[in-house]
Amino acid sequence: MSGIAFIVSAPSGSGKTTLCKMAADRFPDLRISVSYTTRKPRHGEVNGVDYWFVDEETFAAMVERGEFLEYADVYGKRYGTSRKDLEDLLEKGVSVILEIDVQGAAKVREKLEGGVFVFVLPPSLKAAEERLVARGKDTTEEIRRRLGIAAGEIKRAVDYDYIVINDDLRRAFEEFSAVITAEKSRSCRMAGKLKELFGGLVG
């Protein structure tokens, strides 16, 4: 069985990253894609673990060589997903979570077959604001800008296969896990396993 690409988008303050990390811990064959970005590392972030941190020149050269499955400008910085990194994992049977914004998700939908698209929502924009303030990583101006963008992103939620509302982390995680489990069991993905187990009985 080849791996599954789970494309996860969310407005800032939705808890998307926390849910994705919890899922990677639960499912041994699931990894989180490490994107490339031109932004500076935040305190505690590790190169190659949280992101691949590169300068503008390096990123532009990767774009020129066609190395990205998708890339986008977000809050004035550039983010991109390596096509080769993703394809290598999927071919090995490893499923991958791509945490990308709605711009990137739209590009992936055009280029990648079999992707599963999940949109994570906060219970309200007020709750998103409170979470952003609590994490203490952004200035007041940055939070205001993120919330403004979030309003537009929420309108795109209906374009996704699944919507998870993160009003309670434990419940939201169980919903997200259920999506992953169900997608792994789709009959179209189980064809190879069926033939392995039952041979000629399967057409």
Protein backbone atom coordinates (compact mmCIF):
# COMPACT_ATOMS: atom_id res chain seq x y z
CA MET A 1 0.00 0.00 0.00
CA SER A 2 1.27 3.45 -0.84
CA GLY A 3 1.00 6.19 1.71
CA ILE A 4 -1.75 8.80 1.87
CA ALA A 5 -1.22 12.55 1.73
CA PHE A 6 -3.38 14.36 4.30
CA ILE A 7 -3.54 18.06 3.45
CA VAL A 8 -4.47 20.02 6.57
CA SER A 9 -5.30 23.73 6.52
CA ALA A 10 -6.61 26.07 9.20
CA PRO A 11 -6.71 29.73 10.14
CA SER A 12 -4.23 30.87 12.78
CA GLY A 13 -5.24 29.92 16.31
CA SER A 14 -7.09 26.75 15.34
CA GLY A 15 -4.69 24.32 17.01
CA LYS A 16 -3.81 22.63 13.71
CA THR A 17 -0.16 22.01 14.54
CA THR A 18 -1.02 20.45 17.90
CA LEU A 19 -3.54 18.08 16.29
CA CYS A 20 -1.07 17.07 13.58
CA LYS A 21 1.68 16.32 16.10
CA MET A 22 -0.72 14.23 18.18
CA ALA A 23 -1.71 12.26 15.08
CA ALA A 24 1.93 11.61 14.15
CA ASP A 25 2.47 10.26 17.67
CA ARG A 26 -0.56 7.94 17.46
CA PHE A 27 0.01 6.50 13.97
CA PRO A 28 3.45 4.89 13.50
CA ASP A 29 3.27 5.10 9.69
CA LEU A 30 2.38 8.79 9.64
CA ARG A 31 4.85 11.66 9.27
CA ILE A 32 4.52 15.43 9.16
CA SER A 33 5.99 16.96 6.02
CA VAL A 34 8.81 19.41 6.73
CA SER A 35 8.23 22.50 4.61
CA TYR A 36 10.80 25.00 3.38
CA THR A 37 10.40 28.59 4.52
CA THR A 38 12.17 31.92 4.25
CA ARG A 39 11.00 33.12 7.66
CA LYS A 40 13.33 33.15 10.63
CA PRO A 41 13.10 30.34 13.23
CA ARG A 42 11.03 31.07 16.30
CA HIS A 43 12.45 30.29 19.72
CA GLY A 44 12.82 26.52 20.12
CA GLU A 45 12.31 25.64 16.45
CA VAL A 46 14.85 23.25 14.92
CA ASN A 47 16.01 23.27 11.30
CA GLY A 48 14.91 20.08 9.54
CA VAL A 49 12.38 19.26 12.25
CA ASP A 50 9.94 22.17 12.31
CA TYR A 51 10.94 23.62 8.91
CA TRP A 52 13.86 23.78 6.55
CA PHE A 53 14.89 27.41 7.02
CA VAL A 54 16.43 28.87 3.84
CA ASP A 55 17.14 32.34 2.52
CA GLU A 56 15.23 34.04 -0.29
CA GLU A 57 17.91 33.23 -2.87
CA THR A 58 17.88 29.50 -2.09
CA PHE A 59 14.08 29.38 -2.15
CA ALA A 60 13.93 31.20 -5.49
CA ALA A 61 16.44 28.73 -6.98
CA MET A 62 14.30 25.79 -5.83
CA VAL A 63 11.27 27.39 -7.48
CA GLU A 64 13.24 27.84 -10.69
CA ARG A 65 14.22 24.15 -10.68
CA GLY A 66 10.59 23.07 -10.15
CA GLU A 67 11.32 21.34 -6.85
CA PHE A 68 8.14 22.41 -5.08
CA LEU A 69 4.79 20.64 -5.27
CA GLU A 70 3.37 23.94 -4.05
CA TYR A 71 4.67 27.18 -2.64
CA ALA A 72 3.02 30.34 -1.43
CA ASP A 73 3.59 33.72 0.19
CA VAL A 74 2.08 33.80 3.68
CA TYR A 75 2.32 36.84 5.97
CA GLY A 76 5.15 38.17 3.81
CA LYS A 77 7.26 34.98 3.95
CA ARG A 78 7.53 32.07 1.51
CA TYR A 79 6.65 28.45 2.24
CA GLY A 80 6.98 25.41 -0.01
CA THR A 81 6.53 21.63 -0.04
CA SER A 82 9.23 19.52 -1.68
CA ARG A 83 7.73 17.26 -4.35
CA LYS A 84 10.55 14.70 -4.07
CA ASP A 85 10.44 14.48 -0.28
CA LEU A 86 6.71 13.77 -0.40
CA GLU A 87 6.83 11.26 -3.24
CA ASP A 88 9.66 9.31 -1.61
CA LEU A 89 7.68 8.86 1.60
CA LEU A 90 4.42 7.93 -0.14
CA GLU A 91 6.19 5.32 -2.28
CA LYS A 92 7.57 3.72 0.88
CA GLY A 93 4.04 3.35 2.26
CA VAL A 94 4.41 6.22 4.71
CA SER A 95 1.44 8.56 5.01
CA VAL A 96 2.22 12.26 5.25
CA ILE A 97 0.50 15.27 6.77
CA LEU A 98 1.01 18.50 4.84
CA GLU A 99 0.25 21.52 7.00
CA ILE A 100 -0.35 24.18 4.38
CA ASP A 101 -2.51 27.23 3.87
CA VAL A 102 -5.51 27.37 1.56
CA GLN A 103 -3.42 28.74 -1.33
CA GLY A 104 -1.06 25.79 -1.18
CA ALA A 105 -3.88 23.28 -0.71
CA ALA A 106 -5.55 24.49 -3.89
CA LYS A 107 -2.32 23.93 -5.83
CA VAL A 108 -1.85 20.46 -4.34
CA ARG A 109 -5.41 19.52 -5.30
CA GLU A 110 -4.54 20.24 -8.94
CA LYS A 111 -1.29 18.25 -8.93
CA LEU A 112 -1.75 15.34 -6.52
CA GLU A 113 -4.19 12.46 -6.89
CA GLY A 114 -5.63 10.72 -3.86
CA GLY A 115 -4.99 13.50 -1.35
CA VAL A 116 -7.33 13.85 1.63
CA PHE A 117 -8.16 17.46 2.53
CA VAL A 118 -8.98 18.39 6.14
CA PHE A 119 -9.85 21.86 7.42
CA VAL A 120 -9.48 22.62 11.14
CA LEU A 121 -11.55 25.43 12.63
CA PRO A 122 -11.53 27.20 15.99
CA PRO A 123 -14.95 27.47 17.68
CA SER A 124 -14.86 31.23 16.97
CA LEU A 125 -12.52 34.00 15.86
CA LYS A 126 -12.49 35.22 19.45
CA ALA A 127 -11.18 31.85 20.59
CA ALA A 128 -8.52 31.98 17.86
CA GLU A 129 -7.42 35.42 19.07
CA GLU A 130 -7.17 34.20 22.67
CA ARG A 131 -5.02 31.25 21.60
CA LEU A 132 -2.68 33.45 19.58
CA VAL A 133 -2.27 35.84 22.51
CA ALA A 134 -1.68 32.95 24.92
CA ARG A 135 1.10 31.38 22.87
CA GLY A 136 3.01 34.67 23.00
CA LYS A 137 4.80 34.29 19.67
CA ASP A 138 3.29 37.19 17.72
CA THR A 139 2.97 40.94 18.17
CA THR A 140 -0.44 42.56 18.55
CA GLU A 141 -0.17 43.85 15.00
CA GLU A 142 0.70 40.38 13.69
CA ILE A 143 -2.22 38.81 15.53
CA ARG A 144 -4.59 41.40 14.08
CA ARG A 145 -3.30 40.66 10.58
CA ARG A 146 -3.59 36.89 11.05
CA LEU A 147 -7.19 37.21 12.22
CA GLY A 148 -8.04 39.36 9.20
CA ILE A 149 -6.68 36.70 6.88
CA ALA A 150 -8.43 33.98 8.89
CA ALA A 151 -11.84 35.42 8.04
CA GLY A 152 -11.16 34.86 4.34
CA GLU A 153 -9.68 31.40 4.88
CA ILE A 154 -12.72 30.16 6.78
CA LYS A 155 -14.85 30.74 3.68
CA ARG A 156 -12.75 28.06 1.92
CA ALA A 157 -13.54 25.34 4.48
CA VAL A 158 -16.36 23.97 2.30
CA ASP A 159 -13.79 23.07 -0.38
CA TYR A 160 -12.29 20.39 1.88
CA ASP A 161 -13.27 16.73 2.34
CA TYR A 162 -13.54 16.97 6.12
CA ILE A 163 -13.99 19.74 8.69
CA VAL A 164 -12.83 19.37 12.29
CA ILE A 165 -13.91 22.01 14.82
CA ASN A 166 -11.34 22.25 17.59
CA ASP A 167 -13.50 23.43 20.47
CA ASP A 168 -12.22 20.62 22.70
CA LEU A 169 -8.75 19.25 21.90
CA ARG A 170 -9.42 15.65 22.93
CA ARG A 171 -12.66 15.40 20.97
CA ALA A 172 -11.18 17.15 17.94
CA PHE A 173 -8.22 14.77 17.98
CA GLU A 174 -10.50 11.74 18.03
CA GLU A 175 -12.38 13.14 15.03
CA PHE A 176 -9.14 13.77 13.17
CA SER A 177 -7.89 10.27 14.04
CA ALA A 178 -11.17 8.79 12.78
CA VAL A 179 -10.63 10.50 9.41
CA ILE A 180 -7.14 9.03 9.13
CA THR A 181 -8.29 5.53 10.11
CA ALA A 182 -11.24 5.59 7.71
CA GLU A 183 -9.13 6.76 4.78
CA LYS A 184 -6.60 4.00 5.37
CA SER A 185 -9.45 1.46 5.11
CA ARG A 186 -10.97 2.68 1.83
CA SER A 187 -11.50 -0.24 -0.54
CA CYS A 188 -9.54 1.47 -3.32
CA ARG A 189 -6.50 1.67 -1.03
CA MET A 190 -6.90 -1.93 0.18
CA ALA A 191 -6.83 -3.57 -3.27
CA GLY A 192 -3.23 -4.74 -2.96
CA LYS A 193 -3.79 -6.12 0.54
CA LEU A 194 -6.90 -7.99 -0.59
CA LYS A 195 -4.99 -9.70 -3.38
CA GLU A 196 -2.18 -10.54 -0.98
CA LEU A 197 -4.60 -12.17 1.45
CA PHE A 198 -7.13 -13.76 -0.89
CA GLY A 199 -5.38 -14.07 -4.24
CA GLY A 200 -7.67 -15.17 -7.06
CA LEU A 201 -10.82 -14.55 -5.06
CA VAL A 202 -10.34 -10.83 -5.66
CA GLY A 203 -10.89 -9.47 -9.15
